Amino acid sequence: MKKVAIVYWLLPAKLERELFREIVRILCHELDAPRFEPHLTLFVAKENRHPPKPILQKFRSAPIRLRIRRVAFDREYTKTLFVRFKPNGALKKMAVDLGRAAHTRAGAPRDPHLSLLYKRRITKATEKELADTINFPFREVVFDSVAAVRLKLPVRSRADVRAWRILAKKRLR
């Protein structure tokens, strides 16, 4: 059974966002997968507990920078192919502070990552080839926006991804 939730995302700054969007677009086109906004999930909150728009309006934080560890893959649908980041104190502080503002207990994401592909039934050889092939012209990614998204969990299909709705967004300064 699916549960509706509000998920808080970090969004990459313009330069990185454009590159990630293009990679997602190409992979989705080539592998017939759903398109989505590149993001790093901070935490999940219960829906309708506290409206996200006023929470984000009041929230204050500087943009954060995360170091890329590597491109990896996993059997989990939402981690088919992803960029893994090294966690840091700024990420933990942001997640805790935003969680507090959203009246949700939140810590740093256990495995901070930004997905590049959601796909069922992809071969190990293809996963490895993609992970080995994708390189970035930068070692760190700046995240300068936060978004609150309504979705149903767990995310397991193209229809689940298409149903995502951004409810509020805030640029970090």
N, C-alpha and C. Protein backbone atom coordinates (compact mmCIF):
# COMPACT_ATOMS: atom_id res chain seq x y z
N MET A 1 0.84 -1.18 0.00
CA MET A 1 0.00 0.00 0.00
C MET A 1 0.89 1.25 0.00
N LYS A 2 0.53 2.21 -0.80
CA LYS A 2 1.31 3.45 -0.93
C LYS A 2 0.85 4.45 0.13
N LYS A 3 1.83 5.21 0.63
CA LYS A 3 1.49 6.29 1.56
C LYS A 3 1.93 7.61 0.94
N VAL A 4 1.09 8.63 1.10
CA VAL A 4 1.41 9.96 0.58
C VAL A 4 2.33 10.64 1.59
N ALA A 5 3.35 11.29 1.07
CA ALA A 5 4.32 11.97 1.94
C ALA A 5 4.79 13.26 1.28
N ILE A 6 5.39 14.11 2.09
CA ILE A 6 6.08 15.29 1.59
C ILE A 6 7.57 14.98 1.75
N VAL A 7 8.29 15.09 0.66
CA VAL A 7 9.73 14.82 0.67
C VAL A 7 10.45 16.13 0.40
N TYR A 8 11.47 16.40 1.19
CA TYR A 8 12.26 17.61 1.01
C TYR A 8 13.53 17.27 0.24
N TRP A 9 13.74 18.03 -0.83
CA TRP A 9 14.87 17.81 -1.74
C TRP A 9 15.83 18.99 -1.70
N LEU A 10 17.09 18.70 -1.95
CA LEU A 10 18.08 19.72 -2.30
C LEU A 10 18.21 19.69 -3.81
N LEU A 11 18.27 20.86 -4.42
CA LEU A 11 18.40 20.95 -5.87
C LEU A 11 19.73 21.58 -6.24
N PRO A 12 20.40 21.04 -7.24
CA PRO A 12 21.70 21.60 -7.64
C PRO A 12 21.56 23.00 -8.23
N ALA A 13 22.65 23.77 -8.13
CA ALA A 13 22.71 25.10 -8.72
C ALA A 13 22.66 24.97 -10.24
N LYS A 14 22.43 26.08 -10.91
CA LYS A 14 22.13 26.10 -12.35
C LYS A 14 23.11 25.31 -13.22
N LEU A 15 24.39 25.56 -13.09
CA LEU A 15 25.38 24.89 -13.94
C LEU A 15 25.30 23.37 -13.79
N GLU A 16 25.34 22.91 -12.56
CA GLU A 16 25.29 21.47 -12.32
C GLU A 16 23.92 20.90 -12.68
N ARG A 17 22.85 21.65 -12.35
CA ARG A 17 21.48 21.19 -12.63
C ARG A 17 21.30 20.95 -14.13
N GLU A 18 21.80 21.87 -14.96
CA GLU A 18 21.66 21.71 -16.41
C GLU A 18 22.38 20.46 -16.91
N LEU A 19 23.57 20.21 -16.39
CA LEU A 19 24.30 19.01 -16.80
C LEU A 19 23.57 17.74 -16.34
N PHE A 20 23.14 17.71 -15.09
CA PHE A 20 22.41 16.54 -14.59
C PHE A 20 21.11 16.32 -15.36
N ARG A 21 20.38 17.40 -15.66
CA ARG A 21 19.14 17.26 -16.44
C ARG A 21 19.41 16.66 -17.81
N GLU A 22 20.50 17.09 -18.44
CA GLU A 22 20.83 16.57 -19.76
C GLU A 22 21.20 15.09 -19.69
N ILE A 23 21.95 14.70 -18.68
CA ILE A 23 22.30 13.29 -18.50
C ILE A 23 21.03 12.47 -18.27
N VAL A 24 20.15 12.95 -17.39
CA VAL A 24 18.88 12.25 -17.13
C VAL A 24 18.08 12.15 -18.43
N ARG A 25 17.99 13.24 -19.18
CA ARG A 25 17.23 13.25 -20.43
C ARG A 25 17.76 12.20 -21.40
N ILE A 26 19.07 12.17 -21.59
CA ILE A 26 19.68 11.21 -22.52
C ILE A 26 19.45 9.77 -22.06
N LEU A 27 19.72 9.50 -20.80
CA LEU A 27 19.54 8.14 -20.29
C LEU A 27 18.08 7.70 -20.39
N CYS A 28 17.16 8.60 -20.05
CA CYS A 28 15.74 8.25 -20.11
C CYS A 28 15.29 7.98 -21.53
N HIS A 29 15.81 8.77 -22.46
CA HIS A 29 15.47 8.57 -23.88
C HIS A 29 16.04 7.24 -24.38
N GLU A 30 17.30 7.00 -24.10
CA GLU A 30 17.97 5.79 -24.60
C GLU A 30 17.45 4.51 -23.95
N LEU A 31 17.05 4.59 -22.69
CA LEU A 31 16.66 3.38 -21.95
C LEU A 31 15.17 3.32 -21.62
N ASP A 32 14.39 4.21 -22.22
CA ASP A 32 12.94 4.24 -22.02
C ASP A 32 12.58 4.24 -20.53
N ALA A 33 13.07 5.27 -19.86
CA ALA A 33 12.85 5.41 -18.42
C ALA A 33 12.15 6.75 -18.15
N PRO A 34 11.57 6.92 -16.97
CA PRO A 34 10.88 8.18 -16.67
C PRO A 34 11.86 9.33 -16.42
N ARG A 35 11.47 10.52 -16.88
CA ARG A 35 12.28 11.72 -16.61
C ARG A 35 11.87 12.28 -15.26
N PHE A 36 12.83 12.93 -14.60
CA PHE A 36 12.59 13.51 -13.28
C PHE A 36 13.57 14.65 -13.05
N GLU A 37 13.27 15.45 -12.07
CA GLU A 37 14.13 16.56 -11.69
C GLU A 37 15.30 16.01 -10.85
N PRO A 38 16.54 16.27 -11.26
CA PRO A 38 17.68 15.80 -10.45
C PRO A 38 17.64 16.45 -9.07
N HIS A 39 17.80 15.62 -8.05
CA HIS A 39 17.67 16.11 -6.67
C HIS A 39 18.40 15.18 -5.70
N LEU A 40 18.62 15.69 -4.52
CA LEU A 40 19.16 14.91 -3.41
C LEU A 40 18.09 14.94 -2.33
N THR A 41 17.58 13.78 -1.94
CA THR A 41 16.53 13.72 -0.92
C THR A 41 17.13 13.96 0.46
N LEU A 42 16.55 14.95 1.16
CA LEU A 42 16.98 15.25 2.53
C LEU A 42 16.25 14.37 3.54
N PHE A 43 14.92 14.37 3.47
CA PHE A 43 14.12 13.56 4.41
C PHE A 43 12.68 13.51 3.94
N VAL A 44 11.91 12.62 4.58
CA VAL A 44 10.50 12.44 4.30
C VAL A 44 9.70 12.92 5.51
N ALA A 45 8.63 13.69 5.25
CA ALA A 45 7.73 14.13 6.32
C ALA A 45 6.33 13.61 5.99
N LYS A 46 5.49 13.51 7.01
CA LYS A 46 4.12 13.09 6.76
C LYS A 46 3.36 14.20 6.07
N GLU A 47 2.48 13.80 5.13
CA GLU A 47 1.70 14.79 4.40
C GLU A 47 0.67 15.46 5.30
N ASN A 48 0.41 16.72 5.03
CA ASN A 48 -0.62 17.53 5.68
C ASN A 48 -0.38 17.79 7.16
N ARG A 49 0.75 17.40 7.66
CA ARG A 49 1.04 17.69 9.05
C ARG A 49 1.31 19.19 9.21
N HIS A 50 2.17 19.71 8.36
CA HIS A 50 2.49 21.13 8.34
C HIS A 50 2.71 21.52 6.89
N PRO A 51 1.97 22.52 6.40
CA PRO A 51 2.13 22.91 4.99
C PRO A 51 3.56 23.34 4.68
N PRO A 52 4.13 22.84 3.57
CA PRO A 52 5.54 23.12 3.28
C PRO A 52 5.85 24.55 2.84
N LYS A 53 4.88 25.23 2.21
CA LYS A 53 5.17 26.56 1.70
C LYS A 53 5.61 27.53 2.81
N PRO A 54 4.85 27.67 3.91
CA PRO A 54 5.32 28.57 4.98
C PRO A 54 6.62 28.09 5.64
N ILE A 55 6.82 26.79 5.67
CA ILE A 55 8.05 26.25 6.25
C ILE A 55 9.24 26.72 5.43
N LEU A 56 9.16 26.57 4.11
CA LEU A 56 10.27 27.00 3.26
C LEU A 56 10.42 28.51 3.23
N GLN A 57 9.32 29.26 3.33
CA GLN A 57 9.43 30.73 3.35
C GLN A 57 10.24 31.20 4.55
N LYS A 58 10.10 30.54 5.68
CA LYS A 58 10.80 30.94 6.91
C LYS A 58 12.22 30.36 7.00
N PHE A 59 12.47 29.28 6.29
CA PHE A 59 13.74 28.56 6.41
C PHE A 59 14.90 29.40 5.85
N ARG A 60 16.00 29.44 6.59
CA ARG A 60 17.19 30.17 6.18
C ARG A 60 18.39 29.23 6.19
N SER A 61 19.13 29.25 5.08
CA SER A 61 20.35 28.45 4.99
C SER A 61 21.15 28.94 3.80
N ALA A 62 22.44 28.82 3.90
CA ALA A 62 23.32 29.12 2.76
C ALA A 62 23.33 27.90 1.85
N PRO A 63 23.67 28.08 0.58
CA PRO A 63 23.86 26.92 -0.30
C PRO A 63 24.94 26.01 0.29
N ILE A 64 24.89 24.75 -0.06
CA ILE A 64 25.93 23.85 0.43
C ILE A 64 26.64 23.20 -0.75
N ARG A 65 27.84 22.75 -0.47
CA ARG A 65 28.72 22.13 -1.46
C ARG A 65 29.00 20.70 -0.99
N LEU A 66 28.80 19.75 -1.90
CA LEU A 66 29.09 18.35 -1.59
C LEU A 66 30.07 17.78 -2.60
N ARG A 67 31.01 17.02 -2.10
CA ARG A 67 32.03 16.40 -2.94
C ARG A 67 31.51 15.11 -3.54
N ILE A 68 31.72 14.95 -4.85
CA ILE A 68 31.32 13.72 -5.54
C ILE A 68 32.28 12.60 -5.13
N ARG A 69 31.71 11.45 -4.75
CA ARG A 69 32.53 10.27 -4.46
C ARG A 69 32.70 9.43 -5.72
N ARG A 70 31.54 9.09 -6.34
CA ARG A 70 31.60 8.28 -7.57
C ARG A 70 30.19 8.11 -8.13
N VAL A 71 30.12 7.59 -9.34
CA VAL A 71 28.85 7.19 -9.93
C VAL A 71 28.69 5.71 -9.59
N ALA A 72 27.51 5.35 -9.11
CA ALA A 72 27.28 3.98 -8.65
C ALA A 72 25.91 3.50 -9.15
N PHE A 73 25.60 2.24 -8.88
CA PHE A 73 24.32 1.67 -9.26
C PHE A 73 23.86 0.72 -8.18
N ASP A 74 22.56 0.42 -8.20
CA ASP A 74 21.96 -0.40 -7.17
C ASP A 74 20.72 -1.07 -7.75
N ARG A 75 20.26 -2.12 -7.14
CA ARG A 75 19.04 -2.81 -7.58
C ARG A 75 17.79 -2.01 -7.20
N GLU A 76 17.89 -1.10 -6.25
CA GLU A 76 16.74 -0.28 -5.83
C GLU A 76 16.32 0.62 -7.00
N TYR A 77 15.03 0.67 -7.29
CA TYR A 77 14.51 1.41 -8.44
C TYR A 77 14.99 2.86 -8.47
N THR A 78 14.92 3.55 -7.34
CA THR A 78 15.29 4.97 -7.31
C THR A 78 16.81 5.19 -7.19
N LYS A 79 17.56 4.12 -7.27
CA LYS A 79 19.02 4.23 -7.24
C LYS A 79 19.63 3.38 -8.36
N THR A 80 18.90 3.25 -9.47
CA THR A 80 19.40 2.44 -10.58
C THR A 80 20.80 2.89 -10.97
N LEU A 81 20.96 4.19 -11.16
CA LEU A 81 22.25 4.80 -11.47
C LEU A 81 22.26 6.15 -10.78
N PHE A 82 23.31 6.44 -10.01
CA PHE A 82 23.29 7.66 -9.21
C PHE A 82 24.69 8.17 -8.92
N VAL A 83 24.75 9.44 -8.52
CA VAL A 83 26.00 10.07 -8.10
C VAL A 83 26.00 10.04 -6.58
N ARG A 84 27.00 9.42 -6.00
CA ARG A 84 27.12 9.34 -4.54
C ARG A 84 28.01 10.49 -4.07
N PHE A 85 27.57 11.16 -2.99
CA PHE A 85 28.31 12.29 -2.42
C PHE A 85 28.87 11.95 -1.05
N LYS A 86 29.93 12.65 -0.69
CA LYS A 86 30.51 12.51 0.63
C LYS A 86 29.71 13.42 1.58
N PRO A 87 29.12 12.86 2.64
CA PRO A 87 28.35 13.70 3.56
C PRO A 87 29.29 14.67 4.31
N ASN A 88 28.72 15.78 4.76
CA ASN A 88 29.51 16.72 5.54
C ASN A 88 28.63 17.40 6.60
N GLY A 89 29.24 18.21 7.43
CA GLY A 89 28.52 18.87 8.51
C GLY A 89 27.45 19.82 8.03
N ALA A 90 27.71 20.51 6.90
CA ALA A 90 26.72 21.44 6.36
C ALA A 90 25.44 20.71 5.94
N LEU A 91 25.58 19.54 5.34
CA LEU A 91 24.42 18.75 4.93
C LEU A 91 23.63 18.29 6.16
N LYS A 92 24.33 17.80 7.15
CA LYS A 92 23.66 17.35 8.37
C LYS A 92 22.92 18.51 9.03
N LYS A 93 23.59 19.65 9.17
CA LYS A 93 22.96 20.81 9.81
C LYS A 93 21.72 21.24 9.04
N MET A 94 21.82 21.29 7.71
CA MET A 94 20.67 21.70 6.90
C MET A 94 19.50 20.74 7.10
N ALA A 95 19.76 19.44 7.04
CA ALA A 95 18.68 18.46 7.20
C ALA A 95 18.04 18.57 8.57
N VAL A 96 18.85 18.70 9.61
CA VAL A 96 18.33 18.82 10.98
C VAL A 96 17.51 20.10 11.13
N ASP A 97 18.05 21.22 10.65
CA ASP A 97 17.35 22.51 10.78
C ASP A 97 16.04 22.52 9.99
N LEU A 98 16.07 22.01 8.77
CA LEU A 98 14.85 21.98 7.97
C LEU A 98 13.85 20.99 8.56
N GLY A 99 14.33 19.87 9.05
CA GLY A 99 13.45 18.92 9.71
C GLY A 99 12.76 19.53 10.92
N ARG A 100 13.53 20.27 11.71
CA ARG A 100 12.96 20.96 12.87
C ARG A 100 11.88 21.95 12.42
N ALA A 101 12.17 22.72 11.36
CA ALA A 101 11.20 23.69 10.83
C ALA A 101 9.93 22.98 10.33
N ALA A 102 10.09 21.77 9.80
CA ALA A 102 8.96 20.99 9.28
C ALA A 102 8.33 20.11 10.36
N HIS A 103 8.78 20.25 11.60
CA HIS A 103 8.26 19.47 12.73
C HIS A 103 8.43 17.97 12.49
N THR A 104 9.59 17.62 11.92
CA THR A 104 9.91 16.23 11.62
C THR A 104 11.33 15.96 12.12
N ARG A 105 11.50 14.84 12.74
CA ARG A 105 12.84 14.48 13.18
C ARG A 105 13.64 14.04 11.96
N ALA A 106 14.72 14.76 11.68
CA ALA A 106 15.54 14.45 10.50
C ALA A 106 17.01 14.54 10.85
N GLY A 107 17.78 13.67 10.28
CA GLY A 107 19.22 13.72 10.41
C GLY A 107 19.80 13.82 9.00
N ALA A 108 21.08 13.72 8.91
CA ALA A 108 21.72 13.76 7.59
C ALA A 108 21.31 12.52 6.80
N PRO A 109 21.12 12.66 5.50
CA PRO A 109 20.83 11.47 4.68
C PRO A 109 21.96 10.44 4.85
N ARG A 110 21.60 9.17 5.01
CA ARG A 110 22.60 8.11 5.22
C ARG A 110 23.49 7.90 4.01
N ASP A 111 22.91 8.02 2.84
CA ASP A 111 23.66 7.81 1.60
C ASP A 111 23.31 8.95 0.65
N PRO A 112 23.89 10.13 0.86
CA PRO A 112 23.51 11.26 0.01
C PRO A 112 23.87 10.98 -1.46
N HIS A 113 22.84 11.10 -2.30
CA HIS A 113 23.04 10.80 -3.71
C HIS A 113 22.05 11.57 -4.56
N LEU A 114 22.37 11.66 -5.83
CA LEU A 114 21.51 12.28 -6.83
C LEU A 114 21.34 11.24 -7.94
N SER A 115 20.11 10.80 -8.14
CA SER A 115 19.86 9.75 -9.14
C SER A 115 19.94 10.30 -10.56
N LEU A 116 20.41 9.45 -11.46
CA LEU A 116 20.49 9.79 -12.88
C LEU A 116 19.54 8.93 -13.71
N LEU A 117 19.07 7.83 -13.13
CA LEU A 117 18.21 6.91 -13.88
C LEU A 117 17.39 6.08 -12.91
N TYR A 118 16.09 5.94 -13.22
CA TYR A 118 15.19 5.02 -12.53
C TYR A 118 14.75 4.01 -13.57
N LYS A 119 15.08 2.76 -13.37
CA LYS A 119 14.75 1.75 -14.40
C LYS A 119 14.72 0.36 -13.79
N ARG A 120 13.70 -0.38 -14.13
CA ARG A 120 13.64 -1.80 -13.77
C ARG A 120 14.37 -2.60 -14.84
N ARG A 121 14.85 -3.73 -14.48
CA ARG A 121 15.44 -4.67 -15.43
C ARG A 121 16.51 -4.06 -16.34
N ILE A 122 17.60 -3.72 -15.74
CA ILE A 122 18.76 -3.26 -16.51
C ILE A 122 19.89 -4.23 -16.17
N THR A 123 20.68 -4.59 -17.14
CA THR A 123 21.71 -5.59 -16.88
C THR A 123 22.85 -5.02 -16.04
N LYS A 124 23.49 -5.89 -15.31
CA LYS A 124 24.67 -5.49 -14.51
C LYS A 124 25.74 -4.90 -15.42
N ALA A 125 25.92 -5.49 -16.59
CA ALA A 125 26.94 -5.00 -17.52
C ALA A 125 26.63 -3.58 -17.96
N THR A 126 25.36 -3.28 -18.24
CA THR A 126 24.96 -1.93 -18.64
C THR A 126 25.16 -0.96 -17.49
N GLU A 127 24.76 -1.37 -16.29
CA GLU A 127 24.96 -0.50 -15.11
C GLU A 127 26.44 -0.16 -14.93
N LYS A 128 27.26 -1.19 -15.00
CA LYS A 128 28.70 -0.97 -14.80
C LYS A 128 29.27 -0.08 -15.90
N GLU A 129 28.87 -0.33 -17.13
CA GLU A 129 29.37 0.47 -18.25
C GLU A 129 28.98 1.95 -18.08
N LEU A 130 27.73 2.19 -17.71
CA LEU A 130 27.28 3.57 -17.50
C LEU A 130 28.03 4.22 -16.34
N ALA A 131 28.14 3.51 -15.24
CA ALA A 131 28.84 4.07 -14.08
C ALA A 131 30.30 4.39 -14.40
N ASP A 132 30.93 3.54 -15.19
CA ASP A 132 32.33 3.75 -15.55
C ASP A 132 32.52 4.85 -16.59
N THR A 133 31.48 5.11 -17.40
CA THR A 133 31.57 6.06 -18.50
C THR A 133 31.29 7.50 -18.08
N ILE A 134 30.38 7.68 -17.14
CA ILE A 134 29.95 9.04 -16.77
C ILE A 134 31.02 9.71 -15.91
N ASN A 135 31.48 10.85 -16.40
CA ASN A 135 32.44 11.68 -15.67
C ASN A 135 31.92 13.11 -15.66
N PHE A 136 32.31 13.86 -14.67
CA PHE A 136 31.85 15.24 -14.53
C PHE A 136 33.02 16.21 -14.61
N PRO A 137 32.77 17.41 -15.11
CA PRO A 137 33.84 18.41 -15.21
C PRO A 137 34.08 19.15 -13.89
N PHE A 138 33.51 18.63 -12.80
CA PHE A 138 33.67 19.24 -11.47
C PHE A 138 33.73 18.13 -10.43
N ARG A 139 34.33 18.43 -9.29
CA ARG A 139 34.44 17.43 -8.21
C ARG A 139 33.45 17.68 -7.09
N GLU A 140 32.91 18.90 -7.07
CA GLU A 140 31.93 19.27 -6.06
C GLU A 140 30.69 19.80 -6.74
N VAL A 141 29.56 19.65 -6.07
CA VAL A 141 28.29 20.16 -6.58
C VAL A 141 27.73 21.13 -5.56
N VAL A 142 27.33 22.29 -6.06
CA VAL A 142 26.67 23.28 -5.21
C VAL A 142 25.17 23.02 -5.28
N PHE A 143 24.53 22.98 -4.13
CA PHE A 143 23.08 22.85 -4.03
C PHE A 143 22.58 24.17 -3.47
N ASP A 144 21.72 24.86 -4.25
CA ASP A 144 21.32 26.20 -3.84
C ASP A 144 19.81 26.41 -3.73
N SER A 145 19.06 25.31 -3.76
CA SER A 145 17.61 25.41 -3.60
C SER A 145 17.09 24.20 -2.84
N VAL A 146 15.94 24.40 -2.19
CA VAL A 146 15.25 23.33 -1.49
C VAL A 146 13.84 23.27 -2.05
N ALA A 147 13.30 22.07 -2.21
CA ALA A 147 11.93 21.90 -2.68
C ALA A 147 11.20 20.91 -1.79
N ALA A 148 9.89 21.13 -1.68
CA ALA A 148 9.01 20.19 -0.97
C ALA A 148 8.14 19.54 -2.05
N VAL A 149 8.13 18.22 -2.07
CA VAL A 149 7.46 17.47 -3.13
C VAL A 149 6.47 16.48 -2.53
N ARG A 150 5.25 16.46 -3.08
CA ARG A 150 4.27 15.46 -2.67
C ARG A 150 4.43 14.26 -3.59
N LEU A 151 4.53 13.09 -2.95
CA LEU A 151 4.64 11.86 -3.73
C LEU A 151 4.11 10.70 -2.92
N LYS A 152 4.00 9.57 -3.58
CA LYS A 152 3.55 8.35 -2.91
C LYS A 152 4.74 7.42 -2.77
N LEU A 153 4.87 6.87 -1.58
CA LEU A 153 5.96 5.94 -1.28
C LEU A 153 5.42 4.53 -1.11
N PRO A 154 6.14 3.53 -1.51
CA PRO A 154 7.44 3.60 -2.17
C PRO A 154 7.30 3.94 -3.66
N VAL A 155 8.37 4.51 -4.21
CA VAL A 155 8.42 4.85 -5.64
C VAL A 155 8.97 3.62 -6.36
N ARG A 156 8.13 3.05 -7.23
CA ARG A 156 8.54 1.81 -7.89
C ARG A 156 8.24 1.77 -9.38
N SER A 157 7.67 2.87 -9.92
CA SER A 157 7.27 2.80 -11.33
C SER A 157 7.29 4.18 -11.98
N ARG A 158 7.19 4.17 -13.31
CA ARG A 158 7.09 5.39 -14.10
C ARG A 158 5.87 6.21 -13.64
N ALA A 159 4.75 5.55 -13.39
CA ALA A 159 3.54 6.25 -12.95
C ALA A 159 3.77 6.94 -11.61
N ASP A 160 4.50 6.30 -10.71
CA ASP A 160 4.81 6.92 -9.41
C ASP A 160 5.62 8.20 -9.62
N VAL A 161 6.60 8.16 -10.51
CA VAL A 161 7.45 9.33 -10.78
C VAL A 161 6.63 10.44 -11.43
N ARG A 162 5.79 10.10 -12.37
CA ARG A 162 4.96 11.11 -13.05
C ARG A 162 4.00 11.80 -12.08
N ALA A 163 3.64 11.16 -11.00
CA ALA A 163 2.69 11.73 -10.05
C ALA A 163 3.33 12.74 -9.08
N TRP A 164 4.65 12.87 -9.10
CA TRP A 164 5.31 13.81 -8.20
C TRP A 164 4.84 15.23 -8.46
N ARG A 165 4.63 16.01 -7.38
CA ARG A 165 4.22 17.40 -7.50
C ARG A 165 5.06 18.27 -6.56
N ILE A 166 5.75 19.24 -7.14
CA ILE A 166 6.50 20.19 -6.32
C ILE A 166 5.50 21.17 -5.73
N LEU A 167 5.45 21.24 -4.40
CA LEU A 167 4.50 22.10 -3.71
C LEU A 167 5.09 23.47 -3.37
N ALA A 168 6.38 23.50 -3.12
CA ALA A 168 7.04 24.76 -2.75
C ALA A 168 8.53 24.62 -3.04
N LYS A 169 9.15 25.75 -3.32
CA LYS A 169 10.58 25.78 -3.63
C LYS A 169 11.18 27.04 -3.05
N LYS A 170 12.42 26.96 -2.60
CA LYS A 170 13.10 28.13 -2.06
C LYS A 170 14.57 28.12 -2.46
N ARG A 171 15.03 29.26 -2.90
CA ARG A 171 16.44 29.43 -3.22
C ARG A 171 17.19 29.75 -1.93
N LEU A 172 18.32 29.11 -1.74
CA LEU A 172 19.15 29.33 -0.54
C LEU A 172 20.13 30.46 -0.80
N ARG A 173 20.38 31.28 0.20
CA ARG A 173 21.30 32.41 0.07
C ARG A 173 22.28 32.46 1.21
